[in-house]
PDB file of N, CA and C in Angstrom:
ATOM      1  N   MET A   1     -12.191  16.627  25.060  1.00  0.00           N
ATOM      2  CA  MET A   1     -11.707  15.271  25.062  1.00  0.00           C
ATOM      3  C   MET A   1     -11.409  14.866  23.623  1.00  0.00           C
ATOM      4  N   SER A   2     -10.264  14.258  23.387  1.00  0.00           N
ATOM      5  CA  SER A   2      -9.899  13.865  22.031  1.00  0.00           C
ATOM      6  C   SER A   2     -10.508  12.511  21.691  1.00  0.00           C
ATOM      7  N   SER A   3     -10.759  12.315  20.391  1.00  0.00           N
ATOM      8  CA  SER A   3     -11.338  11.048  19.956  1.00  0.00           C
ATOM      9  C   SER A   3     -10.224  10.019  19.775  1.00  0.00           C
ATOM     10  N   PRO A   4     -10.555   8.734  19.925  1.00  0.00           N
ATOM     11  CA  PRO A   4      -9.537   7.696  19.746  1.00  0.00           C
ATOM     12  C   PRO A   4      -9.033   7.687  18.310  1.00  0.00           C
ATOM     13  N   ALA A   5      -7.807   7.267  18.125  1.00  0.00           N
ATOM     14  CA  ALA A   5      -7.205   7.203  16.797  1.00  0.00           C
ATOM     15  C   ALA A   5      -7.943   6.197  15.929  1.00  0.00           C
ATOM     16  N   THR A   6      -8.150   6.559  14.700  1.00  0.00           N
ATOM     17  CA  THR A   6      -8.803   5.668  13.752  1.00  0.00           C
ATOM     18  C   THR A   6      -7.734   4.863  13.030  1.00  0.00           C
ATOM     19  N   LEU A   7      -7.877   3.555  13.042  1.00  0.00           N
ATOM     20  CA  LEU A   7      -6.922   2.702  12.357  1.00  0.00           C
ATOM     21  C   LEU A   7      -7.238   2.703  10.862  1.00  0.00           C
ATOM     22  N   ALA A   8      -6.216   2.921  10.070  1.00  0.00           N
ATOM     23  CA  ALA A   8      -6.383   2.945   8.623  1.00  0.00           C
ATOM     24  C   ALA A   8      -6.471   1.521   8.089  1.00  0.00           C
ATOM     25  N   THR A   9      -7.273   1.360   7.059  1.00  0.00           N
ATOM     26  CA  THR A   9      -7.406   0.040   6.443  1.00  0.00           C
ATOM     27  C   THR A   9      -6.503  -0.043   5.213  1.00  0.00           C
ATOM     28  N   VAL A  10      -6.136  -1.246   4.862  1.00  0.00           N
ATOM     29  CA  VAL A  10      -5.272  -1.503   3.718  1.00  0.00           C
ATOM     30  C   VAL A  10      -6.073  -2.263   2.678  1.00  0.00           C
ATOM     31  N   ASP A  11      -6.018  -1.809   1.445  1.00  0.00           N
ATOM     32  CA  ASP A  11      -6.684  -2.528   0.365  1.00  0.00           C
ATOM     33  C   ASP A  11      -5.905  -3.791   0.026  1.00  0.00           C
ATOM     34  N   THR A  12      -6.643  -4.847  -0.291  1.00  0.00           N
ATOM     35  CA  THR A  12      -6.040  -6.079  -0.801  1.00  0.00           C
ATOM     36  C   THR A  12      -6.458  -6.193  -2.253  1.00  0.00           C
ATOM     37  N   ILE A  13      -5.466  -6.289  -3.145  1.00  0.00           N
ATOM     38  CA  ILE A  13      -5.762  -6.391  -4.570  1.00  0.00           C
ATOM     39  C   ILE A  13      -5.373  -7.775  -5.073  1.00  0.00           C
ATOM     40  N   THR A  14      -5.922  -8.142  -6.211  1.00  0.00           N
ATOM     41  CA  THR A  14      -5.600  -9.449  -6.781  1.00  0.00           C
ATOM     42  C   THR A  14      -4.157  -9.459  -7.284  1.00  0.00           C
ATOM     43  N   ARG A  15      -3.602 -10.635  -7.382  1.00  0.00           N
ATOM     44  CA  ARG A  15      -2.241 -10.790  -7.918  1.00  0.00           C
ATOM     45  C   ARG A  15      -2.177 -10.246  -9.342  1.00  0.00           C
ATOM     46  N   HIS A  16      -3.225 -10.507 -10.135  1.00  0.00           N
ATOM     47  CA  HIS A  16      -3.269 -10.037 -11.522  1.00  0.00           C
ATOM     48  C   HIS A  16      -3.218  -8.508 -11.579  1.00  0.00           C
ATOM     49  N   LYS A  17      -4.022  -7.845 -10.764  1.00  0.00           N
ATOM     50  CA  LYS A  17      -4.022  -6.377 -10.744  1.00  0.00           C
ATOM     51  C   LYS A  17      -2.662  -5.851 -10.280  1.00  0.00           C
ATOM     52  N   TYR A  18      -2.088  -6.483  -9.260  1.00  0.00           N
ATOM     53  CA  TYR A  18      -0.771  -6.068  -8.788  1.00  0.00           C
ATOM     54  C   TYR A  18       0.265  -6.178  -9.909  1.00  0.00           C
ATOM     55  N   GLU A  19       0.253  -7.264 -10.641  1.00  0.00           N
ATOM     56  CA  GLU A  19       1.218  -7.460 -11.723  1.00  0.00           C
ATOM     57  C   GLU A  19       1.053  -6.416 -12.820  1.00  0.00           C
ATOM     58  N   ARG A  20      -0.187  -6.029 -13.122  1.00  0.00           N
ATOM     59  CA  ARG A  20      -0.423  -4.952 -14.099  1.00  0.00           C
ATOM     60  C   ARG A  20       0.128  -3.630 -13.580  1.00  0.00           C
ATOM     61  N   LEU A  21      -0.131  -3.316 -12.302  1.00  0.00           N
ATOM     62  CA  LEU A  21       0.387  -2.080 -11.721  1.00  0.00           C
ATOM     63  C   LEU A  21       1.915  -2.094 -11.658  1.00  0.00           C
ATOM     64  N   GLN A  22       2.468  -3.225 -11.317  1.00  0.00           N
ATOM     65  CA  GLN A  22       3.922  -3.360 -11.239  1.00  0.00           C
ATOM     66  C   GLN A  22       4.549  -3.153 -12.622  1.00  0.00           C
ATOM     67  N   TYR A  23       3.927  -3.686 -13.642  1.00  0.00           N
ATOM     68  CA  TYR A  23       4.424  -3.545 -15.016  1.00  0.00           C
ATOM     69  C   TYR A  23       4.524  -2.075 -15.418  1.00  0.00           C
ATOM     70  N   THR A  24       3.575  -1.259 -14.971  1.00  0.00           N
ATOM     71  CA  THR A  24       3.577   0.163 -15.330  1.00  0.00           C
ATOM     72  C   THR A  24       4.379   1.011 -14.346  1.00  0.00           C
ATOM     73  N   GLY A  25       4.952   0.378 -13.324  1.00  0.00           N
ATOM     74  CA  GLY A  25       5.736   1.121 -12.338  1.00  0.00           C
ATOM     75  C   GLY A  25       4.901   1.749 -11.245  1.00  0.00           C
ATOM     76  N   SER A  26       3.625   1.373 -11.159  1.00  0.00           N
ATOM     77  CA  SER A  26       2.723   1.952 -10.173  1.00  0.00           C
ATOM     78  C   SER A  26       2.582   1.119  -8.915  1.00  0.00           C
ATOM     79  N   ALA A  27       3.372   0.051  -8.779  1.00  0.00           N
ATOM     80  CA  ALA A  27       3.347  -0.793  -7.588  1.00  0.00           C
ATOM     81  C   ALA A  27       4.674  -1.532  -7.504  1.00  0.00           C
ATOM     82  N   GLY A  28       4.968  -2.013  -6.308  1.00  0.00           N
ATOM     83  CA  GLY A  28       6.205  -2.754  -6.142  1.00  0.00           C
ATOM     84  C   GLY A  28       6.352  -3.302  -4.738  1.00  0.00           C
ATOM     85  N   VAL A  29       7.530  -3.815  -4.460  1.00  0.00           N
ATOM     86  CA  VAL A  29       7.841  -4.343  -3.133  1.00  0.00           C
ATOM     87  C   VAL A  29       8.506  -3.246  -2.312  1.00  0.00           C
ATOM     88  N   ILE A  30       8.397  -3.348  -0.989  1.00  0.00           N
ATOM     89  CA  ILE A  30       8.926  -2.268  -0.150  1.00  0.00           C
ATOM     90  C   ILE A  30      10.434  -2.133  -0.249  1.00  0.00           C
ATOM     91  N   ALA A  31      11.136  -3.181  -0.662  1.00  0.00           N
ATOM     92  CA  ALA A  31      12.590  -3.077  -0.814  1.00  0.00           C
ATOM     93  C   ALA A  31      12.958  -2.019  -1.854  1.00  0.00           C
ATOM     94  N   SER A  32      12.026  -1.689  -2.746  1.00  0.00           N
ATOM     95  CA  SER A  32      12.303  -0.688  -3.773  1.00  0.00           C
ATOM     96  C   SER A  32      12.088   0.743  -3.274  1.00  0.00           C
ATOM     97  N   LEU A  33      11.526   0.900  -2.092  1.00  0.00           N
ATOM     98  CA  LEU A  33      11.336   2.238  -1.525  1.00  0.00           C
ATOM     99  C   LEU A  33      12.606   2.678  -0.811  1.00  0.00           C
ATOM    100  N   GLU A  34      12.946   3.932  -0.944  1.00  0.00           N
ATOM    101  CA  GLU A  34      14.196   4.429  -0.380  1.00  0.00           C
ATOM    102  C   GLU A  34      14.040   5.115   0.971  1.00  0.00           C
ATOM    103  N   ASP A  35      12.833   5.205   1.495  1.00  0.00           N
ATOM    104  CA  ASP A  35      12.615   5.915   2.750  1.00  0.00           C
ATOM    105  C   ASP A  35      12.151   4.953   3.848  1.00  0.00           C
ATOM    106  N   PRO A  36      13.064   4.463   4.679  1.00  0.00           N
ATOM    107  CA  PRO A  36      12.668   3.521   5.731  1.00  0.00           C
ATOM    108  C   PRO A  36      11.720   4.150   6.753  1.00  0.00           C
ATOM    109  N   ARG A  37      11.732   5.469   6.874  1.00  0.00           N
ATOM    110  CA  ARG A  37      10.800   6.140   7.801  1.00  0.00           C
ATOM    111  C   ARG A  37       9.364   5.972   7.333  1.00  0.00           C
ATOM    112  N   LEU A  38       9.155   6.038   6.018  1.00  0.00           N
ATOM    113  CA  LEU A  38       7.816   5.846   5.461  1.00  0.00           C
ATOM    114  C   LEU A  38       7.316   4.441   5.762  1.00  0.00           C
ATOM    115  N   VAL A  39       8.155   3.449   5.534  1.00  0.00           N
ATOM    116  CA  VAL A  39       7.771   2.059   5.796  1.00  0.00           C
ATOM    117  C   VAL A  39       7.466   1.874   7.281  1.00  0.00           C
ATOM    118  N   GLY A  40       8.277   2.453   8.156  1.00  0.00           N
ATOM    119  CA  GLY A  40       8.023   2.379   9.597  1.00  0.00           C
ATOM    120  C   GLY A  40       6.703   3.021   9.983  1.00  0.00           C
ATOM    121  N   ARG A  41       6.398   4.160   9.362  1.00  0.00           N
ATOM    122  CA  ARG A  41       5.129   4.842   9.645  1.00  0.00           C
ATOM    123  C   ARG A  41       3.955   3.999   9.159  1.00  0.00           C
ATOM    124  N   TRP A  42       4.099   3.376   7.989  1.00  0.00           N
ATOM    125  CA  TRP A  42       3.028   2.509   7.489  1.00  0.00           C
ATOM    126  C   TRP A  42       2.797   1.335   8.430  1.00  0.00           C
ATOM    127  N   HIS A  43       3.865   0.744   8.949  1.00  0.00           N
ATOM    128  CA  HIS A  43       3.698  -0.364   9.893  1.00  0.00           C
ATOM    129  C   HIS A  43       2.913   0.090  11.119  1.00  0.00           C
ATOM    130  N   ALA A  44       3.151   1.301  11.589  1.00  0.00           N
ATOM    131  CA  ALA A  44       2.451   1.821  12.763  1.00  0.00           C
ATOM    132  C   ALA A  44       1.006   2.196  12.443  1.00  0.00           C
ATOM    133  N   ASP A  45       0.779   2.793  11.276  1.00  0.00           N
ATOM    134  CA  ASP A  45      -0.547   3.307  10.925  1.00  0.00           C
ATOM    135  C   ASP A  45      -1.490   2.276  10.319  1.00  0.00           C
ATOM    136  N   TYR A  46      -0.938   1.210   9.761  1.00  0.00           N
ATOM    137  CA  TYR A  46      -1.743   0.197   9.068  1.00  0.00           C
ATOM    138  C   TYR A  46      -1.460  -1.185   9.650  1.00  0.00           C
ATOM    139  N   PRO A  47      -2.052  -1.513  10.787  1.00  0.00           N
ATOM    140  CA  PRO A  47      -1.756  -2.791  11.436  1.00  0.00           C
ATOM    141  C   PRO A  47      -2.159  -4.011  10.599  1.00  0.00           C
ATOM    142  N   GLY A  48      -3.040  -3.849   9.633  1.00  0.00           N
ATOM    143  CA  GLY A  48      -3.443  -4.967   8.784  1.00  0.00           C
ATOM    144  C   GLY A  48      -2.561  -5.162   7.573  1.00  0.00           C
ATOM    145  N   TRP A  49      -1.539  -4.337   7.437  1.00  0.00           N
ATOM    146  CA  TRP A  49      -0.634  -4.426   6.291  1.00  0.00           C
ATOM    147  C   TRP A  49       0.371  -5.551   6.495  1.00  0.00           C
ATOM    148  N   THR A  50       0.583  -6.374   5.477  1.00  0.00           N
ATOM    149  CA  THR A  50       1.548  -7.472   5.585  1.00  0.00           C
ATOM    150  C   THR A  50       2.982  -6.978   5.507  1.00  0.00           C
ATOM    151  N   GLY A  51       3.178  -5.750   5.079  1.00  0.00           N
ATOM    152  CA  GLY A  51       4.511  -5.156   5.053  1.00  0.00           C
ATOM    153  C   GLY A  51       5.330  -5.507   3.836  1.00  0.00           C
ATOM    154  N   GLU A  52       4.682  -5.858   2.752  1.00  0.00           N
ATOM    155  CA  GLU A  52       5.432  -6.308   1.583  1.00  0.00           C
ATOM    156  C   GLU A  52       5.288  -5.438   0.341  1.00  0.00           C
ATOM    157  N   HIS A  53       4.131  -4.823   0.102  1.00  0.00           N
ATOM    158  CA  HIS A  53       3.878  -4.159  -1.170  1.00  0.00           C
ATOM    159  C   HIS A  53       3.352  -2.733  -0.997  1.00  0.00           C
ATOM    160  N   TRP A  54       3.541  -1.941  -2.039  1.00  0.00           N
ATOM    161  CA  TRP A  54       3.027  -0.578  -2.105  1.00  0.00           C
ATOM    162  C   TRP A  54       2.417  -0.359  -3.495  1.00  0.00           C
ATOM    163  N   ALA A  55       1.602   0.682  -3.605  1.00  0.00           N
ATOM    164  CA  ALA A  55       1.049   1.085  -4.900  1.00  0.00           C
ATOM    165  C   ALA A  55       0.939   2.605  -4.920  1.00  0.00           C
ATOM    166  N   PHE A  56       0.977   3.161  -6.107  1.00  0.00           N
ATOM    167  CA  PHE A  56       0.746   4.577  -6.290  1.00  0.00           C
ATOM    168  C   PHE A  56      -0.661   4.721  -6.828  1.00  0.00           C
ATOM    169  N   GLU A  57      -1.492   5.452  -6.095  1.00  0.00           N
ATOM    170  CA  GLU A  57      -2.894   5.622  -6.454  1.00  0.00           C
ATOM    171  C   GLU A  57      -3.081   7.017  -7.020  1.00  0.00           C
ATOM    172  N   VAL A  58      -3.529   7.085  -8.249  1.00  0.00           N
ATOM    173  CA  VAL A  58      -3.805   8.371  -8.876  1.00  0.00           C
ATOM    174  C   VAL A  58      -5.247   8.725  -8.596  1.00  0.00           C
ATOM    175  N   GLY A  59      -5.442   9.896  -8.008  1.00  0.00           N
ATOM    176  CA  GLY A  59      -6.789  10.348  -7.678  1.00  0.00           C
ATOM    177  C   GLY A  59      -7.332  11.308  -8.714  1.00  0.00           C
ATOM    178  N   THR A  60      -8.637  11.365  -8.823  1.00  0.00           N
ATOM    179  CA  THR A  60      -9.253  12.297  -9.759  1.00  0.00           C
ATOM    180  C   THR A  60      -9.259  13.716  -9.195  1.00  0.00           C
ATOM    181  N   MET A  61      -9.276  13.818  -7.870  1.00  0.00           N
ATOM    182  CA  MET A  61      -9.326  15.131  -7.234  1.00  0.00           C
ATOM    183  C   MET A  61      -7.998  15.506  -6.567  1.00  0.00           C
ATOM    184  N   SER A  62      -7.005  14.646  -6.659  1.00  0.00           N
ATOM    185  CA  SER A  62      -5.721  14.916  -6.016  1.00  0.00           C
ATOM    186  C   SER A  62      -4.593  14.435  -6.928  1.00  0.00           C
ATOM    187  N   PRO A  63      -3.383  14.872  -6.655  1.00  0.00           N
ATOM    188  CA  PRO A  63      -2.265  14.472  -7.515  1.00  0.00           C
ATOM    189  C   PRO A  63      -1.868  13.005  -7.388  1.00  0.00           C
ATOM    190  N   GLY A  64      -2.357  12.302  -6.399  1.00  0.00           N
ATOM    191  CA  GLY A  64      -2.020  10.899  -6.198  1.00  0.00           C
ATOM    192  C   GLY A  64      -1.278  10.695  -4.897  1.00  0.00           C
ATOM    193  N   ARG A  65      -1.190   9.435  -4.488  1.00  0.00           N
ATOM    194  CA  ARG A  65      -0.504   9.155  -3.227  1.00  0.00           C
ATOM    195  C   ARG A  65       0.086   7.756  -3.251  1.00  0.00           C
ATOM    196  N   LEU A  66       1.173   7.614  -2.540  1.00  0.00           N
ATOM    197  CA  LEU A  66       1.812   6.331  -2.332  1.00  0.00           C
ATOM    198  C   LEU A  66       1.137   5.688  -1.130  1.00  0.00           C
ATOM    199  N   ARG A  67       0.793   4.392  -1.234  1.00  0.00           N
ATOM    200  CA  ARG A  67       0.072   3.744  -0.140  1.00  0.00           C
ATOM    201  C   ARG A  67       0.492   2.289  -0.010  1.00  0.00           C
ATOM    202  N   PRO A  68       0.349   1.746   1.189  1.00  0.00           N
ATOM    203  CA  PRO A  68       0.634   0.321   1.356  1.00  0.00           C
ATOM    204  C   PRO A  68      -0.547  -0.502   0.840  1.00  0.00           C
ATOM    205  N   ILE A  69      -0.255  -1.668   0.295  1.00  0.00           N
ATOM    206  CA  ILE A  69      -1.311  -2.580  -0.151  1.00  0.00           C
ATOM    207  C   ILE A  69      -0.932  -4.005   0.242  1.00  0.00           C
ATOM    208  N   ASN A  70      -1.935  -4.843   0.299  1.00  0.00           N
ATOM    209  CA  ASN A  70      -1.724  -6.283   0.441  1.00  0.00           C
ATOM    210  C   ASN A  70      -2.096  -6.909  -0.897  1.00  0.00           C
ATOM    211  N   VAL A  71      -1.413  -7.983  -1.248  1.00  0.00           N
ATOM    212  CA  VAL A  71      -1.680  -8.684  -2.489  1.00  0.00           C
ATOM    213  C   VAL A  71      -2.225 -10.063  -2.145  1.00  0.00           C
ATOM    214  N   ALA A  72      -3.377 -10.383  -2.712  1.00  0.00           N
ATOM    215  CA  ALA A  72      -4.021 -11.670  -2.453  1.00  0.00           C
ATOM    216  C   ALA A  72      -3.166 -12.810  -2.998  1.00  0.00           C
ATOM    217  N   VAL A  73      -3.261 -13.936  -2.340  1.00  0.00           N
ATOM    218  CA  VAL A  73      -2.576 -15.137  -2.799  1.00  0.00           C
ATOM    219  C   VAL A  73      -3.237 -15.602  -4.072  1.00  0.00           C
ATOM    220  N   ARG A  74      -2.414 -15.987  -5.028  1.00  0.00           N
ATOM    221  CA  ARG A  74      -2.937 -16.433  -6.320  1.00  0.00           C
ATOM    222  C   ARG A  74      -3.740 -17.716  -6.126  1.00  0.00           C
ATOM    223  N   GLN A  75      -4.942 -17.736  -6.716  1.00  0.00           N
ATOM    224  CA  GLN A  75      -5.804 -18.916  -6.665  1.00  0.00           C
ATOM    225  C   GLN A  75      -5.726 -19.626  -7.997  1.00  0.00           C
ATOM    226  N   ASN A  76      -5.478 -20.913  -7.999  1.00  0.00           N
ATOM    227  CA  ASN A  76      -5.399 -21.681  -9.260  1.00  0.00           C
ATOM    228  C   ASN A  76      -6.724 -22.249  -9.633  1.00  0.00           C
TER     229      ASN A  76
END
């Protein structure tokens, strides 16, 4: 018997952190991605994703990965 699919979670980062990542080219809006299949797969795999932002995560044990992220609303 197969196990039920595990829903992936999406990290929510602060607006400040997003802006720092965006400045270095490590994050952006989905309009900047050229693969609509990837965005479609993220919508299916990450139901908690707002569908607006991505980030590139560099791992210590892996070459890194592109992932969907949510960006918190700026608090004044």
